[in-house]
Structures are given as structure tokens and as C-alpha cells.
Amino acid sequence: SGNSVKESFVFETSLKNNREVPVLVNMEDQLPISSDKEIQVTEEEISGGTLDKFNGKINYQIVLQPGETKKITLAYSVKSPQNRAIRGSRNVRRSRTKF
């Protein structure tokens, strides 16, 4: 609405298996949780992870075949009153993990 602002945040993580055997990766990420009812966080993409809506934690169990690379995207939006500042980065974070 005219009195609120919606911001989107996107984070991407790349995983690559450099081994000659498959590997199982257990990864955890988290959506922000608002304790203020006027600030709403909406999940937009969790790339197949399992979200615990109570604490915002996202768990992933990913099997990577030898040489395989997978990208995990975490995207969410935050809707808040126009007069309230949202703390956080607007930049896309790119990280890589190799096994």
C-alpha cells in the first residue's frame, strides 16, 4: 500500500564437489524473523530447503555427484511501514564452497 515499502533480498551460494565420489552436504541458512507485526518477511525462494517457520531456519541435504556444481538461492521480501528503516544489505552475496 501507499504507506508501506517492500524490499527484496537475494543470496546465492554455489556448492561444488571436487572429489571423485558423491558427497552429502548438510547446510543451514536462515530467513530473518520479525518480532514486529508491522514488518512482514515473505519467503520467495529456498531452492528445495526445508523451512521451519517458527525460527526461520532452512535446512538443506544436498547430494553432489563427482564434479557437480549446484546453486542454492535464498530470496525473500520485507514489507514495512515507510517510516521504519530495515537493517540489512541490498547487495547480492555470492559465496562458493568446494569439497
Protein backbone atom coordinates (compact mmCIF):
# COMPACT_ATOMS: atom_id res chain seq x y z
CA SER A 1 0.00 0.00 0.00
CA GLY A 2 0.99 3.67 -0.14
CA ASN A 3 2.19 3.67 3.47
CA SER A 4 4.49 0.66 3.16
CA VAL A 5 7.75 -0.25 1.45
CA LYS A 6 8.69 -3.67 0.06
CA GLU A 7 12.35 -4.61 -0.34
CA SER A 8 13.66 -7.81 -1.90
CA PHE A 9 16.84 -9.61 -0.90
CA VAL A 10 18.56 -12.40 -2.87
CA PHE A 11 21.54 -14.51 -1.79
CA GLU A 12 23.20 -17.21 -3.88
CA THR A 13 25.51 -19.97 -2.67
CA SER A 14 27.42 -22.25 -5.07
CA LEU A 15 28.48 -25.73 -3.98
CA LYS A 16 30.93 -27.84 -6.00
CA ASN A 17 32.12 -31.40 -5.41
CA ASN A 18 35.76 -31.70 -6.48
CA ARG A 19 36.02 -35.26 -5.21
CA GLU A 20 35.75 -38.46 -7.22
CA VAL A 21 32.89 -39.76 -5.08
CA PRO A 22 29.43 -38.36 -4.29
CA VAL A 23 29.17 -36.21 -1.16
CA LEU A 24 26.24 -35.34 1.09
CA VAL A 25 26.20 -31.72 2.18
CA ASN A 26 24.13 -30.64 5.17
CA MET A 27 23.69 -26.87 5.02
CA GLU A 28 21.71 -24.45 7.16
CA ASP A 29 20.62 -20.91 6.34
CA GLN A 30 18.06 -18.60 7.89
CA LEU A 31 15.34 -16.16 6.94
CA PRO A 32 15.09 -13.08 9.11
CA ILE A 33 12.36 -13.18 11.75
CA SER A 34 10.46 -10.05 12.65
CA SER A 35 9.19 -9.59 16.18
CA ASP A 36 7.28 -6.52 14.96
CA LYS A 37 3.85 -7.32 13.50
CA GLU A 38 4.14 -4.29 11.17
CA ILE A 39 7.20 -5.81 9.48
CA GLN A 40 6.43 -8.85 7.33
CA VAL A 41 9.06 -11.21 5.93
CA THR A 42 7.94 -13.36 2.98
CA GLU A 43 9.87 -16.36 1.67
CA GLU A 44 10.25 -16.20 -2.11
CA GLU A 45 12.81 -18.93 -2.93
CA ILE A 46 14.61 -21.51 -0.79
CA SER A 47 15.82 -23.92 -3.51
CA GLY A 48 14.25 -27.07 -2.07
CA GLY A 49 15.28 -26.47 1.52
CA THR A 50 13.03 -27.27 4.47
CA LEU A 51 11.84 -24.12 6.28
CA ASP A 52 11.00 -24.05 9.97
CA LYS A 53 8.53 -21.15 10.02
CA PHE A 54 8.90 -20.74 13.80
CA ASN A 55 12.62 -19.85 13.84
CA GLY A 56 13.27 -19.12 10.14
CA LYS A 57 15.93 -21.82 9.80
CA ILE A 58 16.26 -23.54 6.44
CA ASN A 59 17.89 -26.96 6.27
CA TYR A 60 19.31 -28.47 3.11
CA GLN A 61 20.51 -32.00 2.43
CA ILE A 62 22.23 -31.93 -0.93
CA VAL A 63 23.90 -34.82 -2.72
CA LEU A 64 26.61 -33.68 -5.11
CA GLN A 65 27.90 -36.14 -7.68
CA PRO A 66 31.61 -36.04 -8.63
CA GLY A 67 32.34 -32.74 -10.41
CA GLU A 68 28.79 -31.45 -9.90
CA THR A 69 28.00 -27.84 -9.03
CA LYS A 70 24.69 -26.70 -7.52
CA LYS A 71 23.45 -23.20 -6.80
CA ILE A 72 21.24 -22.55 -3.80
CA THR A 73 19.18 -19.37 -3.87
CA LEU A 74 17.66 -17.73 -0.82
CA ALA A 75 15.26 -14.92 -1.69
CA TYR A 76 12.79 -13.09 0.50
CA SER A 77 10.99 -9.78 0.72
CA VAL A 78 10.43 -7.48 3.65
CA LYS A 79 7.35 -5.25 3.82
CA SER A 80 7.44 -2.47 6.39
CA PRO A 81 5.90 0.92 7.11
CA GLN A 82 7.54 3.71 5.10
CA ASN A 83 8.79 5.42 8.25
CA ARG A 84 10.65 2.32 9.53
CA ALA A 85 14.20 1.54 8.43
CA ILE A 86 15.13 -2.04 7.52
CA ARG A 87 18.62 -3.10 8.57
CA GLY A 88 20.36 -5.34 6.07
CA SER A 89 22.28 -5.39 2.85
CA ARG A 90 20.72 -4.79 -0.53
CA ASN A 91 23.67 -6.37 -2.28
CA VAL A 92 23.70 -9.93 -3.58
CA ARG A 93 26.11 -12.09 -1.64
CA ARG A 94 27.86 -14.71 -3.69
CA SER A 95 29.77 -17.44 -1.94
CA ARG A 96 31.35 -20.67 -3.08
CA THR A 97 32.06 -23.83 -1.18
CA LYS A 98 34.19 -26.61 -2.64
CA PHE A 99 34.58 -30.16 -1.35
